[in-house]
Every structure is written in C-alpha cells, then in structure tokens.
N, C-alpha and C. Protein backbone atom coordinates (compact mmCIF):
# COMPACT_ATOMS: atom_id res chain seq x y z
N MET A 1 -36.38 53.26 -94.63
CA MET A 1 -35.96 54.54 -93.82
C MET A 1 -34.26 54.47 -94.47
N ASN A 2 -33.83 53.44 -94.15
CA ASN A 2 -32.01 53.27 -94.38
C ASN A 2 -31.91 53.25 -95.79
N GLN A 3 -33.20 53.26 -96.17
CA GLN A 3 -32.70 53.57 -97.97
C GLN A 3 -32.92 54.51 -98.51
N ILE A 4 -33.17 55.59 -97.73
CA ILE A 4 -33.48 57.42 -98.26
C ILE A 4 -32.63 58.31 -97.70
N ILE A 5 -32.18 57.44 -96.39
CA ILE A 5 -31.30 58.59 -95.63
C ILE A 5 -30.25 58.60 -95.46
N PRO A 6 -29.03 58.79 -96.32
CA PRO A 6 -27.82 59.02 -96.42
C PRO A 6 -27.34 58.37 -95.15
N SER A 7 -25.49 57.94 -95.16
CA SER A 7 -25.98 57.28 -93.33
C SER A 7 -24.94 58.41 -93.16
N ASP A 8 -24.13 59.58 -93.22
CA ASP A 8 -23.61 60.56 -92.55
C ASP A 8 -24.58 61.99 -92.56
N ALA A 9 -26.01 61.47 -92.74
CA ALA A 9 -27.14 62.91 -92.44
C ALA A 9 -26.64 62.50 -91.46
N ASP A 10 -27.31 64.13 -90.72
CA ASP A 10 -27.97 63.70 -89.77
C ASP A 10 -29.69 64.14 -89.48
N ILE A 11 -29.81 63.61 -88.28
CA ILE A 11 -31.15 62.32 -88.73
C ILE A 11 -31.17 62.76 -86.52
N MET A 12 -32.72 63.53 -86.42
CA MET A 12 -33.10 63.10 -85.03
C MET A 12 -34.57 62.59 -85.23
N VAL A 13 -34.15 61.87 -84.10
CA VAL A 13 -35.65 61.13 -83.76
C VAL A 13 -36.50 61.45 -82.34
N VAL A 14 -37.55 61.70 -82.92
CA VAL A 14 -38.14 62.41 -81.87
C VAL A 14 -39.37 61.38 -81.24
N ASN A 15 -39.49 61.19 -80.02
CA ASN A 15 -40.53 60.56 -79.31
C ASN A 15 -40.25 59.08 -79.95
N GLN A 16 -39.44 58.63 -80.48
CA GLN A 16 -40.03 57.01 -81.06
C GLN A 16 -38.17 56.53 -80.98
N PRO A 17 -37.91 56.25 -79.67
CA PRO A 17 -36.75 55.21 -78.81
C PRO A 17 -36.58 53.99 -80.26
N VAL A 18 -37.72 52.83 -80.71
CA VAL A 18 -36.41 52.26 -81.02
C VAL A 18 -36.05 51.90 -81.77
N LEU A 19 -36.65 53.76 -83.01
CA LEU A 19 -35.79 53.44 -83.75
C LEU A 19 -34.24 54.05 -84.13
N GLY A 20 -33.71 54.79 -82.93
CA GLY A 20 -32.44 54.48 -82.62
C GLY A 20 -31.58 53.34 -82.63
N PHE A 21 -32.37 51.79 -82.81
CA PHE A 21 -31.70 50.76 -82.85
C PHE A 21 -31.65 50.03 -83.94
N LEU A 22 -32.87 51.03 -84.88
CA LEU A 22 -33.38 50.43 -86.42
C LEU A 22 -32.52 51.72 -87.42
N LEU A 23 -32.20 52.13 -87.36
CA LEU A 23 -31.70 53.73 -88.21
C LEU A 23 -30.21 53.61 -88.27
N LYS A 24 -29.79 53.64 -89.44
CA LYS A 24 -28.44 53.05 -89.38
C LYS A 24 -27.64 54.95 -89.97
N SER A 25 -27.02 55.37 -88.63
CA SER A 25 -26.22 56.46 -89.09
C SER A 25 -25.47 56.76 -88.34
N ASP A 26 -24.15 57.27 -88.52
CA ASP A 26 -23.30 57.86 -87.55
C ASP A 26 -23.78 59.11 -86.81
N ARG A 27 -24.82 60.16 -87.55
CA ARG A 27 -25.22 61.22 -86.94
C ARG A 27 -26.83 61.05 -85.92
N LEU A 28 -26.33 60.71 -84.87
CA LEU A 28 -28.27 60.09 -84.93
C LEU A 28 -28.20 60.85 -83.56
N TYR A 29 -29.27 62.05 -83.51
CA TYR A 29 -29.71 62.15 -82.36
C TYR A 29 -31.23 61.72 -81.68
N GLN A 30 -31.49 61.29 -80.85
CA GLN A 30 -32.28 61.27 -80.30
C GLN A 30 -32.93 62.17 -78.99
N TYR A 31 -34.46 62.17 -79.03
CA TYR A 31 -34.88 63.10 -78.07
C TYR A 31 -36.10 62.97 -77.32
N ILE A 32 -36.33 62.63 -76.41
CA ILE A 32 -37.38 61.78 -75.83
C ILE A 32 -38.11 62.57 -74.70
N GLU A 33 -39.83 63.01 -74.68
CA GLU A 33 -40.30 63.48 -74.11
C GLU A 33 -41.08 62.78 -72.90
N THR A 34 -40.61 62.07 -71.87
CA THR A 34 -41.55 61.36 -71.16
C THR A 34 -42.53 61.99 -70.15
N ASN A 35 -42.24 62.45 -69.94
CA ASN A 35 -44.14 63.64 -69.49
C ASN A 35 -43.35 64.94 -70.30
N PRO A 36 -43.87 66.31 -69.59
CA PRO A 36 -43.99 67.30 -70.12
C PRO A 36 -42.70 67.75 -69.22
N HIS A 37 -42.38 67.38 -67.98
CA HIS A 37 -41.99 67.72 -67.13
C HIS A 37 -40.00 67.20 -67.32
N VAL A 38 -40.28 66.43 -67.91
CA VAL A 38 -39.17 65.33 -68.42
C VAL A 38 -38.34 64.88 -69.78
N ALA A 39 -37.53 65.54 -70.14
CA ALA A 39 -37.00 64.79 -71.14
C ALA A 39 -35.35 64.61 -71.65
N VAL A 40 -35.26 64.19 -71.99
CA VAL A 40 -33.98 63.49 -72.45
C VAL A 40 -33.19 63.92 -74.27
N GLY A 41 -31.68 64.05 -73.95
CA GLY A 41 -31.75 64.60 -75.11
C GLY A 41 -31.13 65.83 -74.93
N GLN A 42 -30.26 66.58 -76.44
CA GLN A 42 -30.46 67.53 -77.04
C GLN A 42 -31.49 67.93 -77.78
N ASP A 43 -31.93 69.19 -77.07
CA ASP A 43 -32.67 70.47 -78.02
C ASP A 43 -32.72 70.81 -78.87
N ARG A 44 -32.43 70.58 -79.90
CA ARG A 44 -31.52 70.64 -81.54
C ARG A 44 -32.31 71.71 -82.09
N LEU A 45 -33.97 72.59 -81.85
CA LEU A 45 -33.84 72.68 -82.51
C LEU A 45 -34.36 73.94 -82.05
N GLN A 46 -34.39 73.88 -80.77
CA GLN A 46 -34.27 75.37 -80.00
C GLN A 46 -32.72 75.78 -80.33
N SER A 47 -31.60 75.11 -80.63
CA SER A 47 -30.70 75.50 -80.31
C SER A 47 -29.88 76.07 -81.81
N GLY A 48 -31.01 76.22 -83.09
CA GLY A 48 -30.95 75.60 -83.99
C GLY A 48 -30.30 75.52 -85.55
N ALA A 49 -29.86 74.02 -84.16
CA ALA A 49 -29.24 73.47 -85.44
C ALA A 49 -30.40 72.02 -86.14
N LEU A 50 -30.57 72.21 -87.19
CA LEU A 50 -31.56 71.79 -87.41
C LEU A 50 -30.61 70.52 -88.34
N PRO A 51 -31.81 69.20 -87.82
CA PRO A 51 -31.03 68.71 -89.19
C PRO A 51 -31.49 68.18 -89.53
N ALA A 52 -30.78 67.78 -90.80
CA ALA A 52 -31.18 67.09 -92.46
C ALA A 52 -32.22 66.50 -92.12
N TYR A 53 -33.01 65.71 -91.86
CA TYR A 53 -34.30 64.68 -91.43
C TYR A 53 -34.77 65.14 -89.61
N VAL A 54 -35.68 64.88 -89.86
CA VAL A 54 -36.52 64.86 -88.61
C VAL A 54 -37.58 63.07 -88.22
N VAL A 55 -37.14 62.46 -87.75
CA VAL A 55 -37.92 61.21 -87.50
C VAL A 55 -39.59 61.43 -86.42
N THR A 56 -40.52 61.04 -86.95
CA THR A 56 -41.58 61.30 -85.36
C THR A 56 -42.70 60.44 -85.07
N SER A 57 -43.67 60.53 -85.13
CA SER A 57 -45.06 60.23 -85.68
C SER A 57 -45.97 60.93 -86.20
N SER A 58 -45.69 61.71 -86.31
CA SER A 58 -46.10 63.58 -87.02
C SER A 58 -46.13 64.58 -86.28
N TRP A 59 -45.55 65.42 -87.18
CA TRP A 59 -44.61 67.09 -86.76
C TRP A 59 -46.45 67.41 -85.77
N SER A 60 -47.50 67.55 -86.25
CA SER A 60 -48.69 68.36 -85.59
C SER A 60 -48.86 67.57 -84.51
N ASP A 61 -48.27 66.20 -84.56
CA ASP A 61 -49.68 65.35 -83.35
C ASP A 61 -48.32 65.59 -82.20
N ASP A 62 -47.34 65.72 -82.80
CA ASP A 62 -45.56 65.40 -81.49
C ASP A 62 -45.89 66.44 -80.47
N PRO A 63 -45.94 65.93 -79.46
CA PRO A 63 -45.98 67.61 -78.02
C PRO A 63 -44.77 68.71 -78.10
N TYR A 64 -43.31 67.57 -78.04
CA TYR A 64 -42.12 68.32 -78.43
C TYR A 64 -42.03 69.69 -79.72
N LEU A 65 -42.14 68.67 -80.55
CA LEU A 65 -42.36 68.82 -82.20
C LEU A 65 -43.90 70.32 -82.74
N LYS A 66 -45.31 70.57 -81.73
CA LYS A 66 -46.05 71.53 -81.60
C LYS A 66 -45.21 72.77 -81.15
N LYS A 67 -44.00 72.81 -80.29
CA LYS A 67 -43.45 74.02 -80.06
C LYS A 67 -43.12 74.63 -80.97
N TYR A 68 -42.59 73.76 -81.89
CA TYR A 68 -41.68 74.48 -83.41
C TYR A 68 -42.78 74.15 -84.62
N LEU A 69 -44.02 74.44 -84.40
CA LEU A 69 -44.78 74.35 -85.47
C LEU A 69 -44.39 75.31 -86.70
N ALA A 70 -43.83 76.56 -86.61
CA ALA A 70 -42.86 77.13 -87.34
C ALA A 70 -41.85 76.84 -88.25
N LEU A 71 -41.16 75.75 -87.71
CA LEU A 71 -39.91 75.42 -88.16
C LEU A 71 -40.09 74.07 -89.14
N GLN A 72 -41.84 73.66 -89.39
CA GLN A 72 -42.11 72.37 -90.12
C GLN A 72 -41.96 73.06 -91.88
N GLU A 73 -42.49 74.08 -91.70
CA GLU A 73 -42.28 74.78 -93.61
C GLU A 73 -40.91 74.52 -93.60
N LYS A 74 -39.77 74.51 -92.67
CA LYS A 74 -38.33 74.47 -93.66
C LYS A 74 -38.61 72.98 -93.55
N TYR A 75 -38.77 72.46 -93.73
CA TYR A 75 -39.04 70.18 -94.23
C TYR A 75 -40.21 70.02 -94.49
N THR A 76 -40.00 68.70 -95.20
CA THR A 76 -41.37 68.16 -96.75
C THR A 76 -40.98 67.60 -96.30
N ASP A 77 -42.28 66.49 -95.91
CA ASP A 77 -42.99 64.73 -95.38
C ASP A 77 -42.05 63.97 -96.62
N VAL A 78 -41.30 63.22 -96.75
CA VAL A 78 -40.57 62.25 -98.03
C VAL A 78 -41.67 60.92 -97.46
N PHE A 79 -41.16 60.72 -96.81
CA PHE A 79 -41.86 58.98 -96.74
C PHE A 79 -42.66 59.00 -95.34
N GLN A 80 -43.03 57.78 -95.12
CA GLN A 80 -44.20 57.52 -94.19
C GLN A 80 -44.23 56.06 -93.80
N MET A 81 -43.83 55.14 -93.14
CA MET A 81 -44.14 54.36 -93.01
C MET A 81 -44.69 53.95 -91.11
N ASP A 82 -45.50 53.07 -91.26
CA ASP A 82 -46.43 52.30 -90.68
C ASP A 82 -47.16 53.64 -89.28
N ARG A 83 -45.90 54.00 -88.53
CA ARG A 83 -46.34 55.05 -87.03
C ARG A 83 -45.33 56.25 -87.65
N TRP A 84 -44.54 55.71 -88.34
CA TRP A 84 -43.63 56.46 -89.00
C TRP A 84 -43.40 58.07 -89.63
N GLN A 85 -42.89 58.91 -89.83
CA GLN A 85 -42.76 59.65 -90.36
C GLN A 85 -41.61 60.35 -90.59
N LEU A 86 -41.34 60.73 -91.52
CA LEU A 86 -39.32 60.97 -92.55
C LEU A 86 -40.15 62.51 -92.84
N TYR A 87 -39.61 63.86 -91.97
CA TYR A 87 -39.07 64.79 -92.81
C TYR A 87 -37.63 65.04 -93.40
N LYS A 88 -37.37 65.83 -94.13
CA LYS A 88 -36.12 65.77 -94.65
C LYS A 88 -36.68 67.48 -94.86
N LYS A 89 -35.28 68.34 -94.62
CA LYS A 89 -34.62 69.96 -94.58
C LYS A 89 -34.51 70.37 -96.21
N LYS A 90 -35.75 71.15 -96.47
CA LYS A 90 -35.59 71.63 -97.57
C LYS A 90 -34.51 71.78 -98.25
C-alpha cells in the first residue's frame, strides 16, 4: 500500500491498528472502536473532513463504516491485500 498512497495524502485507518505502524504517511489518522461504546480517534467522516484514503477490512462489514454507507459512493475500491481494503476518494 505504501507504493500506492502518496506520503502527503490523508489516510484514515479504521479498526486496523497494526496498519498505523506499517503505513508510511505524515497524515495518518486512526479510528478504533473497541466496542460500541468506546472509540479512540477522531470521527473524521462525521465531521465532513473526508480523507483521501480509507483503509479497513471492508466498508460494508465494519461496524463504524456501516454508519456511513452513503459516503462509500464517494470512494472507489483501489486495492486489496490480505484482510485490508484500500479505498480512494473519487
């Protein structure tokens, strides 16, 4: 993924904490829901600050991203590796 994502692009990593260590970006944001009542990170999608890239297991399977299924149309699926899916803003 590091070859695909420009180092100066906004990346939001959702519920995949290991990627915070693997991705090389100056503008990486993480959002982690440990359960429906506890979350760590800024809800950038709610604030309207749509990142250039979103990385998660699957938009439709992730509990957090399910709240924003309407926003998925603003992204295109560009890459899949193992259990991770990379989405790029159109």
